[in-house]
């Protein structure tokens, strides 16, 4: 049975909320084992907030609007397709609930602040194993940019995984 903790937050109204802590000692809504759908949703929201923070900008719209999605189901379907593609291409390094990481295909660092709408569009997200995402970092070349513009951004049917050309798994 989850335990409820009272957590004081500065951004909530009222200023105190209850969070359920699961049997894995995580916030239940952020635990991949207990609630995968909400955990992925929260991870994507965190990526969006982080991108705005890194570009010293404020998030002024709801996450779904920023993502360009009609609903969270559309995003879940898209990310599931990406997971399946990765797992078929790299069966020795499968994405599991313990190593999943949400990645901006074109790194946040490669965008101007005025381009945050493209940075956080759902077609600029992919799912990678955490260790791969950390190693990938913010590498980006002119060749990557060309492929991204022609085949990836605003193309919801693109199911491939994009890694920088110089990157090896």
N, C-alpha and C. Protein backbone atom coordinates (compact mmCIF):
# COMPACT_ATOMS: atom_id res chain seq x y z
N UNK A 1 0.84 -1.18 0.00
CA UNK A 1 0.00 0.00 0.00
C UNK A 1 0.89 1.24 0.00
N UNK A 2 0.63 2.19 -0.91
CA UNK A 2 1.44 3.39 -0.96
C UNK A 2 1.28 4.24 0.30
N UNK A 3 2.32 4.93 0.64
CA UNK A 3 2.31 5.83 1.78
C UNK A 3 2.06 7.24 1.26
N UNK A 4 1.30 8.02 2.01
CA UNK A 4 1.06 9.41 1.60
C UNK A 4 1.92 10.32 2.46
N UNK A 5 2.61 11.23 1.79
CA UNK A 5 3.44 12.20 2.48
C UNK A 5 2.94 13.59 2.15
N UNK A 6 2.97 14.45 3.13
CA UNK A 6 2.64 15.85 2.91
C UNK A 6 3.92 16.56 2.49
N UNK A 7 3.89 17.16 1.33
CA UNK A 7 5.07 17.83 0.80
C UNK A 7 4.76 19.29 0.58
N UNK A 8 5.57 20.17 1.11
CA UNK A 8 5.38 21.60 0.91
C UNK A 8 6.00 21.99 -0.42
N UNK A 9 5.22 22.63 -1.26
CA UNK A 9 5.73 23.09 -2.55
C UNK A 9 5.49 24.58 -2.67
N UNK A 10 6.31 25.24 -3.46
CA UNK A 10 6.17 26.69 -3.61
C UNK A 10 5.25 27.05 -4.76
N UNK A 11 5.01 26.13 -5.69
CA UNK A 11 4.24 26.46 -6.88
C UNK A 11 2.80 25.96 -6.83
N UNK A 12 2.44 25.17 -5.84
CA UNK A 12 1.10 24.58 -5.80
C UNK A 12 0.11 25.51 -5.11
N UNK A 13 -1.14 25.36 -5.47
CA UNK A 13 -2.21 26.10 -4.80
C UNK A 13 -3.23 25.09 -4.33
N UNK A 14 -3.49 24.94 -3.06
CA UNK A 14 -2.81 25.57 -1.92
C UNK A 14 -1.36 25.10 -1.81
N UNK A 15 -0.58 25.76 -0.94
CA UNK A 15 0.86 25.51 -0.93
C UNK A 15 1.28 24.14 -0.38
N UNK A 16 0.34 23.23 -0.09
CA UNK A 16 0.71 21.91 0.38
C UNK A 16 -0.06 20.86 -0.42
N UNK A 17 0.63 19.78 -0.78
CA UNK A 17 0.03 18.69 -1.54
C UNK A 17 0.42 17.36 -0.93
N UNK A 18 -0.42 16.37 -1.16
CA UNK A 18 -0.06 15.01 -0.78
C UNK A 18 0.48 14.29 -1.99
N UNK A 19 1.59 13.60 -1.82
CA UNK A 19 2.14 12.75 -2.87
C UNK A 19 2.15 11.32 -2.36
N UNK A 20 1.75 10.41 -3.20
CA UNK A 20 1.82 9.01 -2.84
C UNK A 20 3.19 8.49 -3.20
N UNK A 21 3.82 7.83 -2.23
CA UNK A 21 5.11 7.20 -2.44
C UNK A 21 4.84 5.71 -2.63
N UNK A 22 5.32 5.17 -3.74
CA UNK A 22 5.03 3.77 -4.06
C UNK A 22 6.00 2.83 -3.34
N UNK A 23 5.83 1.55 -3.60
CA UNK A 23 6.68 0.55 -2.96
C UNK A 23 8.13 0.61 -3.47
N UNK A 24 8.38 1.36 -4.55
CA UNK A 24 9.74 1.53 -5.09
C UNK A 24 10.38 2.81 -4.54
N UNK A 25 9.71 3.44 -3.58
CA UNK A 25 10.17 4.65 -2.90
C UNK A 25 10.29 5.84 -3.86
N UNK A 26 9.36 5.94 -4.81
CA UNK A 26 9.29 7.06 -5.75
C UNK A 26 7.89 7.65 -5.69
N UNK A 27 7.75 8.87 -6.21
CA UNK A 27 6.41 9.42 -6.36
C UNK A 27 5.65 8.47 -7.27
N UNK A 28 4.48 8.04 -6.86
CA UNK A 28 3.75 7.03 -7.60
C UNK A 28 3.53 7.45 -9.06
N UNK A 29 3.21 8.73 -9.30
CA UNK A 29 2.96 9.21 -10.66
C UNK A 29 4.21 9.24 -11.53
N UNK A 30 5.39 9.13 -10.92
CA UNK A 30 6.64 9.17 -11.68
C UNK A 30 7.33 7.81 -11.74
N UNK A 31 6.70 6.77 -11.23
CA UNK A 31 7.31 5.45 -11.17
C UNK A 31 6.96 4.63 -12.41
N UNK A 32 7.96 4.23 -13.16
CA UNK A 32 7.75 3.42 -14.38
C UNK A 32 7.10 2.09 -14.07
N UNK A 33 7.42 1.49 -12.93
CA UNK A 33 6.87 0.19 -12.60
C UNK A 33 5.40 0.28 -12.20
N UNK A 34 5.02 1.34 -11.49
CA UNK A 34 3.65 1.45 -10.98
C UNK A 34 2.69 2.12 -11.97
N UNK A 35 3.17 3.11 -12.70
CA UNK A 35 2.28 3.89 -13.57
C UNK A 35 3.06 4.41 -14.77
N UNK A 36 3.30 3.53 -15.73
CA UNK A 36 4.15 3.86 -16.88
C UNK A 36 3.64 5.06 -17.67
N UNK A 37 2.33 5.11 -17.92
CA UNK A 37 1.76 6.20 -18.72
C UNK A 37 2.03 7.56 -18.07
N UNK A 38 1.71 7.69 -16.80
CA UNK A 38 1.95 8.96 -16.11
C UNK A 38 3.44 9.26 -15.98
N UNK A 39 4.25 8.24 -15.79
CA UNK A 39 5.69 8.46 -15.66
C UNK A 39 6.26 9.04 -16.95
N UNK A 40 5.83 8.51 -18.10
CA UNK A 40 6.32 9.03 -19.38
C UNK A 40 5.80 10.45 -19.61
N UNK A 41 4.52 10.66 -19.31
CA UNK A 41 3.93 12.01 -19.44
C UNK A 41 4.72 13.00 -18.59
N UNK A 42 5.01 12.64 -17.35
CA UNK A 42 5.77 13.53 -16.47
C UNK A 42 7.19 13.76 -16.98
N UNK A 43 7.81 12.72 -17.55
CA UNK A 43 9.16 12.87 -18.09
C UNK A 43 9.17 13.83 -19.28
N UNK A 44 8.16 13.75 -20.14
CA UNK A 44 8.08 14.66 -21.29
C UNK A 44 7.85 16.09 -20.80
N UNK A 45 6.97 16.27 -19.84
CA UNK A 45 6.73 17.61 -19.29
C UNK A 45 8.02 18.18 -18.70
N UNK A 46 8.78 17.33 -18.02
CA UNK A 46 10.05 17.77 -17.43
C UNK A 46 11.03 18.19 -18.53
N UNK A 47 11.08 17.44 -19.63
CA UNK A 47 11.95 17.80 -20.77
C UNK A 47 11.57 19.18 -21.33
N UNK A 48 10.28 19.42 -21.44
CA UNK A 48 9.79 20.70 -21.96
C UNK A 48 10.21 21.83 -21.03
N UNK A 49 9.92 21.67 -19.73
CA UNK A 49 10.30 22.71 -18.75
C UNK A 49 11.79 22.97 -18.78
N UNK A 50 12.56 21.89 -18.84
CA UNK A 50 14.02 22.01 -18.85
C UNK A 50 14.51 22.77 -20.08
N UNK A 51 13.91 22.51 -21.23
CA UNK A 51 14.31 23.21 -22.46
C UNK A 51 14.05 24.71 -22.32
N UNK A 52 12.89 25.07 -21.79
CA UNK A 52 12.58 26.48 -21.60
C UNK A 52 13.55 27.12 -20.61
N UNK A 53 13.87 26.41 -19.55
CA UNK A 53 14.80 26.93 -18.55
C UNK A 53 16.18 27.13 -19.15
N UNK A 54 16.67 26.16 -19.92
CA UNK A 54 18.01 26.28 -20.52
C UNK A 54 18.09 27.43 -21.51
N UNK A 55 16.97 27.76 -22.13
CA UNK A 55 16.94 28.88 -23.08
C UNK A 55 16.48 30.17 -22.42
N UNK A 56 16.42 30.15 -21.10
CA UNK A 56 16.03 31.31 -20.29
C UNK A 56 14.71 31.92 -20.77
N UNK A 57 13.75 31.05 -20.95
CA UNK A 57 12.44 31.46 -21.42
C UNK A 57 11.39 30.88 -20.47
N UNK A 58 10.17 31.39 -20.58
CA UNK A 58 9.08 30.91 -19.73
C UNK A 58 8.10 30.09 -20.55
N UNK A 59 7.66 29.00 -19.96
CA UNK A 59 6.63 28.15 -20.58
C UNK A 59 5.30 28.86 -20.35
N UNK A 60 4.61 29.20 -21.45
CA UNK A 60 3.38 29.98 -21.33
C UNK A 60 2.14 29.21 -21.79
N UNK A 61 2.34 28.02 -22.34
CA UNK A 61 1.22 27.23 -22.84
C UNK A 61 1.21 25.86 -22.18
N UNK A 62 0.11 25.16 -22.35
CA UNK A 62 0.00 23.80 -21.84
C UNK A 62 0.92 22.89 -22.65
N UNK A 63 1.39 21.84 -22.01
CA UNK A 63 2.35 20.94 -22.64
C UNK A 63 1.83 20.36 -23.95
N UNK A 64 0.57 19.96 -24.00
CA UNK A 64 0.02 19.39 -25.24
C UNK A 64 0.08 20.39 -26.39
N UNK A 65 -0.20 21.65 -26.11
CA UNK A 65 -0.11 22.69 -27.15
C UNK A 65 1.33 22.83 -27.64
N UNK A 66 2.26 22.85 -26.72
CA UNK A 66 3.67 22.99 -27.07
C UNK A 66 4.13 21.79 -27.89
N UNK A 67 3.69 20.60 -27.51
CA UNK A 67 4.06 19.37 -28.21
C UNK A 67 3.45 19.28 -29.61
N UNK A 68 2.33 19.98 -29.83
CA UNK A 68 1.65 19.88 -31.11
C UNK A 68 0.82 18.61 -31.22
N UNK A 69 0.44 18.05 -30.08
CA UNK A 69 -0.36 16.81 -30.05
C UNK A 69 -1.83 17.14 -29.79
N UNK A 70 -2.71 16.27 -30.30
CA UNK A 70 -4.13 16.42 -30.01
C UNK A 70 -4.45 15.92 -28.60
N UNK A 71 -3.76 14.86 -28.18
CA UNK A 71 -3.97 14.30 -26.84
C UNK A 71 -2.74 13.47 -26.45
N UNK A 72 -2.73 13.03 -25.19
CA UNK A 72 -1.58 12.27 -24.70
C UNK A 72 -1.48 10.90 -25.36
N UNK A 73 -2.61 10.38 -25.85
CA UNK A 73 -2.60 9.09 -26.55
C UNK A 73 -1.75 9.17 -27.81
N UNK A 74 -1.85 10.28 -28.53
CA UNK A 74 -1.07 10.46 -29.75
C UNK A 74 0.43 10.41 -29.43
N UNK A 75 0.82 11.09 -28.36
CA UNK A 75 2.22 11.08 -27.95
C UNK A 75 2.64 9.67 -27.51
N UNK A 76 1.80 9.00 -26.74
CA UNK A 76 2.12 7.65 -26.26
C UNK A 76 2.31 6.69 -27.44
N UNK A 77 1.45 6.81 -28.44
CA UNK A 77 1.55 5.95 -29.63
C UNK A 77 2.87 6.22 -30.37
N UNK A 78 3.19 7.49 -30.52
CA UNK A 78 4.42 7.90 -31.20
C UNK A 78 5.65 7.38 -30.46
N UNK A 79 5.69 7.56 -29.14
CA UNK A 79 6.85 7.13 -28.37
C UNK A 79 6.94 5.60 -28.31
N UNK A 80 5.80 4.92 -28.29
CA UNK A 80 5.81 3.45 -28.32
C UNK A 80 6.41 2.94 -29.62
N UNK A 81 6.08 3.63 -30.72
CA UNK A 81 6.65 3.28 -32.02
C UNK A 81 8.17 3.43 -31.99
N UNK A 82 8.63 4.50 -31.36
CA UNK A 82 10.08 4.74 -31.25
C UNK A 82 10.75 3.66 -30.39
N UNK A 83 10.10 3.27 -29.30
CA UNK A 83 10.64 2.21 -28.43
C UNK A 83 10.75 0.90 -29.21
N UNK A 84 9.69 0.55 -29.94
CA UNK A 84 9.70 -0.68 -30.72
C UNK A 84 10.80 -0.66 -31.79
N UNK A 85 10.97 0.50 -32.44
CA UNK A 85 12.01 0.63 -33.45
C UNK A 85 13.39 0.41 -32.83
N UNK A 86 13.64 1.06 -31.69
CA UNK A 86 14.93 0.90 -31.01
C UNK A 86 15.16 -0.56 -30.64
N UNK A 87 14.16 -1.19 -30.01
CA UNK A 87 14.32 -2.56 -29.52
C UNK A 87 14.54 -3.56 -30.65
N UNK A 88 13.97 -3.30 -31.83
CA UNK A 88 14.22 -4.18 -32.98
C UNK A 88 15.62 -3.95 -33.55
N UNK A 89 16.04 -2.69 -33.57
CA UNK A 89 17.34 -2.35 -34.17
C UNK A 89 18.51 -2.73 -33.25
N UNK A 90 18.30 -2.59 -31.94
CA UNK A 90 19.36 -2.86 -30.97
C UNK A 90 18.87 -3.82 -29.88
N UNK A 91 18.62 -5.09 -30.22
CA UNK A 91 18.06 -6.02 -29.24
C UNK A 91 18.97 -6.28 -28.04
N UNK A 92 20.27 -6.05 -28.19
CA UNK A 92 21.20 -6.25 -27.09
C UNK A 92 21.16 -5.09 -26.09
N UNK A 93 20.55 -3.97 -26.46
CA UNK A 93 20.46 -2.79 -25.58
C UNK A 93 19.01 -2.30 -25.52
N UNK A 94 18.10 -3.21 -25.22
CA UNK A 94 16.67 -2.89 -25.23
C UNK A 94 16.33 -1.79 -24.23
N UNK A 95 15.30 -1.02 -24.59
CA UNK A 95 14.74 -0.03 -23.66
C UNK A 95 13.78 -0.77 -22.74
N UNK A 96 13.98 -0.60 -21.45
CA UNK A 96 13.11 -1.21 -20.45
C UNK A 96 12.57 -0.11 -19.54
N UNK A 97 11.66 -0.49 -18.65
CA UNK A 97 11.11 0.50 -17.72
C UNK A 97 12.16 1.03 -16.74
N UNK A 98 13.30 0.35 -16.65
CA UNK A 98 14.35 0.78 -15.73
C UNK A 98 15.41 1.67 -16.37
N UNK A 99 15.45 1.73 -17.71
CA UNK A 99 16.52 2.52 -18.34
C UNK A 99 15.99 3.51 -19.39
N UNK A 100 14.72 3.81 -19.37
CA UNK A 100 14.10 4.67 -20.38
C UNK A 100 14.47 6.14 -20.16
N UNK A 101 14.69 6.83 -21.27
CA UNK A 101 15.03 8.24 -21.20
C UNK A 101 14.41 8.97 -22.39
N UNK A 102 13.81 10.12 -22.17
CA UNK A 102 13.23 10.94 -23.23
C UNK A 102 14.32 11.86 -23.75
N UNK A 103 14.48 11.89 -25.08
CA UNK A 103 15.58 12.63 -25.70
C UNK A 103 15.04 13.61 -26.74
N UNK A 104 15.61 14.80 -26.78
CA UNK A 104 15.37 15.72 -27.90
C UNK A 104 16.27 15.24 -29.03
N UNK A 105 15.72 14.94 -30.19
CA UNK A 105 16.53 14.47 -31.32
C UNK A 105 17.55 15.54 -31.67
N UNK A 106 17.07 16.72 -32.00
CA UNK A 106 17.98 17.86 -32.18
C UNK A 106 18.15 18.46 -30.79
N UNK A 107 19.36 18.52 -30.27
CA UNK A 107 19.58 18.97 -28.89
C UNK A 107 19.09 20.40 -28.65
N UNK A 108 18.63 20.64 -27.45
CA UNK A 108 18.15 21.97 -27.05
C UNK A 108 19.21 23.02 -27.33
N UNK A 109 20.46 22.67 -27.10
CA UNK A 109 21.58 23.60 -27.29
C UNK A 109 21.67 24.12 -28.73
N UNK A 110 21.18 23.32 -29.70
CA UNK A 110 21.28 23.69 -31.12
C UNK A 110 20.16 24.63 -31.57
N UNK A 111 19.23 24.97 -30.70
CA UNK A 111 18.12 25.85 -31.04
C UNK A 111 18.34 27.27 -30.53
N UNK A 112 17.79 28.22 -31.25
CA UNK A 112 17.71 29.60 -30.77
C UNK A 112 16.48 29.69 -29.85
N UNK A 113 16.44 30.64 -28.92
CA UNK A 113 15.27 30.76 -28.05
C UNK A 113 13.95 30.92 -28.82
N UNK A 114 14.01 31.55 -29.98
CA UNK A 114 12.78 31.76 -30.77
C UNK A 114 12.31 30.47 -31.45
N UNK A 115 13.09 29.39 -31.38
CA UNK A 115 12.74 28.12 -32.03
C UNK A 115 12.24 27.06 -31.06
N UNK A 116 11.87 27.45 -29.85
CA UNK A 116 11.43 26.48 -28.85
C UNK A 116 10.19 25.70 -29.29
N UNK A 117 9.39 26.27 -30.19
CA UNK A 117 8.23 25.54 -30.69
C UNK A 117 8.66 24.31 -31.48
N UNK A 118 9.79 24.37 -32.18
CA UNK A 118 10.32 23.21 -32.90
C UNK A 118 11.06 22.27 -31.95
N UNK A 119 11.78 22.85 -31.02
CA UNK A 119 12.55 22.07 -30.06
C UNK A 119 11.65 21.11 -29.30
N UNK A 120 10.47 21.58 -28.91
CA UNK A 120 9.57 20.79 -28.08
C UNK A 120 8.40 20.18 -28.84
N UNK A 121 8.45 20.20 -30.16
CA UNK A 121 7.41 19.52 -30.94
C UNK A 121 7.59 18.02 -30.75
N UNK A 122 6.50 17.28 -30.67
CA UNK A 122 6.62 15.86 -30.36
C UNK A 122 7.47 15.09 -31.36
N UNK A 123 7.57 15.57 -32.59
CA UNK A 123 8.39 14.86 -33.58
C UNK A 123 9.88 15.07 -33.35
N UNK A 124 10.25 15.94 -32.41
CA UNK A 124 11.66 16.12 -32.06
C UNK A 124 12.03 15.29 -30.83
N UNK A 125 11.11 14.43 -30.37
CA UNK A 125 11.39 13.57 -29.23
C UNK A 125 11.58 12.14 -29.69
N UNK A 126 12.44 11.43 -28.99
CA UNK A 126 12.58 9.99 -29.18
C UNK A 126 12.92 9.39 -27.81
N UNK A 127 12.81 8.09 -27.73
CA UNK A 127 13.11 7.38 -26.49
C UNK A 127 14.41 6.61 -26.69
N UNK A 128 15.32 6.78 -25.74
CA UNK A 128 16.60 6.09 -25.79
C UNK A 128 16.88 5.46 -24.42
N UNK A 129 17.75 4.45 -24.38
CA UNK A 129 18.23 3.99 -23.07
C UNK A 129 19.01 5.15 -22.42
N UNK A 130 18.89 5.27 -21.13
CA UNK A 130 19.52 6.38 -20.41
C UNK A 130 21.01 6.49 -20.70
N UNK A 131 21.74 5.38 -20.69
CA UNK A 131 23.19 5.43 -20.92
C UNK A 131 23.53 5.98 -22.31
N UNK A 132 22.72 5.65 -23.30
CA UNK A 132 22.94 6.14 -24.67
C UNK A 132 22.65 7.64 -24.73
N UNK A 133 21.56 8.07 -24.09
CA UNK A 133 21.20 9.48 -24.10
C UNK A 133 22.28 10.33 -23.44
N UNK A 134 22.83 9.85 -22.36
CA UNK A 134 23.90 10.58 -21.67
C UNK A 134 25.13 10.70 -22.57
N UNK A 135 25.51 9.59 -23.23
CA UNK A 135 26.67 9.60 -24.13
C UNK A 135 26.43 10.47 -25.35
N UNK A 136 25.19 10.50 -25.84
CA UNK A 136 24.86 11.28 -27.04
C UNK A 136 25.11 12.77 -26.79
N UNK A 137 24.73 13.24 -25.63
CA UNK A 137 24.95 14.64 -25.29
C UNK A 137 24.30 15.59 -26.29
N UNK A 138 25.01 16.65 -26.65
CA UNK A 138 24.44 17.66 -27.56
C UNK A 138 25.21 17.72 -28.88
N UNK A 139 25.67 16.58 -29.33
CA UNK A 139 26.37 16.53 -30.63
C UNK A 139 25.38 16.83 -31.75
N UNK A 140 25.78 17.69 -32.69
CA UNK A 140 24.90 18.06 -33.80
C UNK A 140 25.74 18.64 -34.93
N UNK A 141 25.52 18.15 -36.14
CA UNK A 141 26.30 18.62 -37.29
C UNK A 141 25.36 19.16 -38.37
N UNK A 142 25.94 19.74 -39.40
CA UNK A 142 25.15 20.24 -40.54
C UNK A 142 24.43 19.08 -41.23
N UNK A 143 25.07 17.92 -41.29
CA UNK A 143 24.44 16.74 -41.90
C UNK A 143 23.22 16.28 -41.07
N UNK A 144 23.37 16.32 -39.73
CA UNK A 144 22.24 15.99 -38.85
C UNK A 144 21.10 16.98 -39.08
N UNK A 145 21.44 18.26 -39.19
CA UNK A 145 20.43 19.31 -39.40
C UNK A 145 19.65 19.07 -40.69
N UNK A 146 20.35 18.72 -41.75
CA UNK A 146 19.70 18.47 -43.05
C UNK A 146 18.72 17.31 -42.95
N UNK A 147 19.17 16.20 -42.36
CA UNK A 147 18.28 15.04 -42.20
C UNK A 147 17.09 15.39 -41.33
N UNK A 148 17.33 16.12 -40.25
CA UNK A 148 16.28 16.49 -39.31
C UNK A 148 15.20 17.33 -40.01
N UNK A 149 15.63 18.33 -40.77
CA UNK A 149 14.68 19.20 -41.47
C UNK A 149 13.91 18.46 -42.56
N UNK A 150 14.58 17.57 -43.28
CA UNK A 150 13.94 16.88 -44.40
C UNK A 150 13.07 15.70 -43.98
N UNK A 151 13.45 14.99 -42.92
CA UNK A 151 12.78 13.72 -42.62
C UNK A 151 12.13 13.61 -41.24
N UNK A 152 12.49 14.46 -40.30
CA UNK A 152 12.07 14.22 -38.91
C UNK A 152 11.06 15.25 -38.39
N UNK A 153 11.45 16.51 -38.33
CA UNK A 153 10.59 17.51 -37.69
C UNK A 153 9.27 17.66 -38.46
N UNK A 154 8.19 17.65 -37.72
CA UNK A 154 6.82 17.76 -38.24
C UNK A 154 6.43 16.57 -39.12
N UNK A 155 7.14 15.45 -38.99
CA UNK A 155 6.82 14.23 -39.77
C UNK A 155 6.45 13.12 -38.78
N UNK A 156 5.20 13.05 -38.34
CA UNK A 156 4.81 12.08 -37.31
C UNK A 156 4.94 10.62 -37.74
N UNK A 157 5.07 10.36 -39.02
CA UNK A 157 5.21 8.97 -39.48
C UNK A 157 6.66 8.50 -39.50
N UNK A 158 7.61 9.39 -39.18
CA UNK A 158 9.01 8.99 -39.12
C UNK A 158 9.21 8.17 -37.84
N UNK A 159 9.49 6.89 -38.01
CA UNK A 159 9.62 6.01 -36.84
C UNK A 159 11.06 5.68 -36.51
N UNK A 160 12.00 6.20 -37.28
CA UNK A 160 13.41 5.88 -37.06
C UNK A 160 13.97 6.52 -35.80
N UNK A 161 15.11 6.02 -35.41
CA UNK A 161 15.87 6.58 -34.30
C UNK A 161 17.02 7.36 -34.92
N UNK A 162 17.21 8.59 -34.48
CA UNK A 162 18.31 9.39 -35.02
C UNK A 162 19.39 9.55 -33.97
N UNK A 163 20.58 9.15 -34.33
CA UNK A 163 21.77 9.40 -33.51
C UNK A 163 22.77 10.13 -34.38
N UNK A 164 23.58 11.01 -33.81
CA UNK A 164 24.56 11.72 -34.64
C UNK A 164 25.41 10.73 -35.43
N UNK A 165 25.81 11.12 -36.61
CA UNK A 165 26.54 10.23 -37.53
C UNK A 165 27.80 9.66 -36.90
N UNK A 166 28.48 10.43 -36.10
CA UNK A 166 29.73 9.98 -35.49
C UNK A 166 29.50 9.09 -34.25
N UNK A 167 28.26 8.89 -33.88
CA UNK A 167 27.92 8.15 -32.66
C UNK A 167 27.79 6.66 -32.95
N UNK A 168 28.37 5.83 -32.10
CA UNK A 168 28.19 4.38 -32.27
C UNK A 168 27.59 3.80 -30.99
N UNK A 169 26.65 2.89 -31.17
CA UNK A 169 25.98 2.24 -30.05
C UNK A 169 26.84 1.08 -29.64
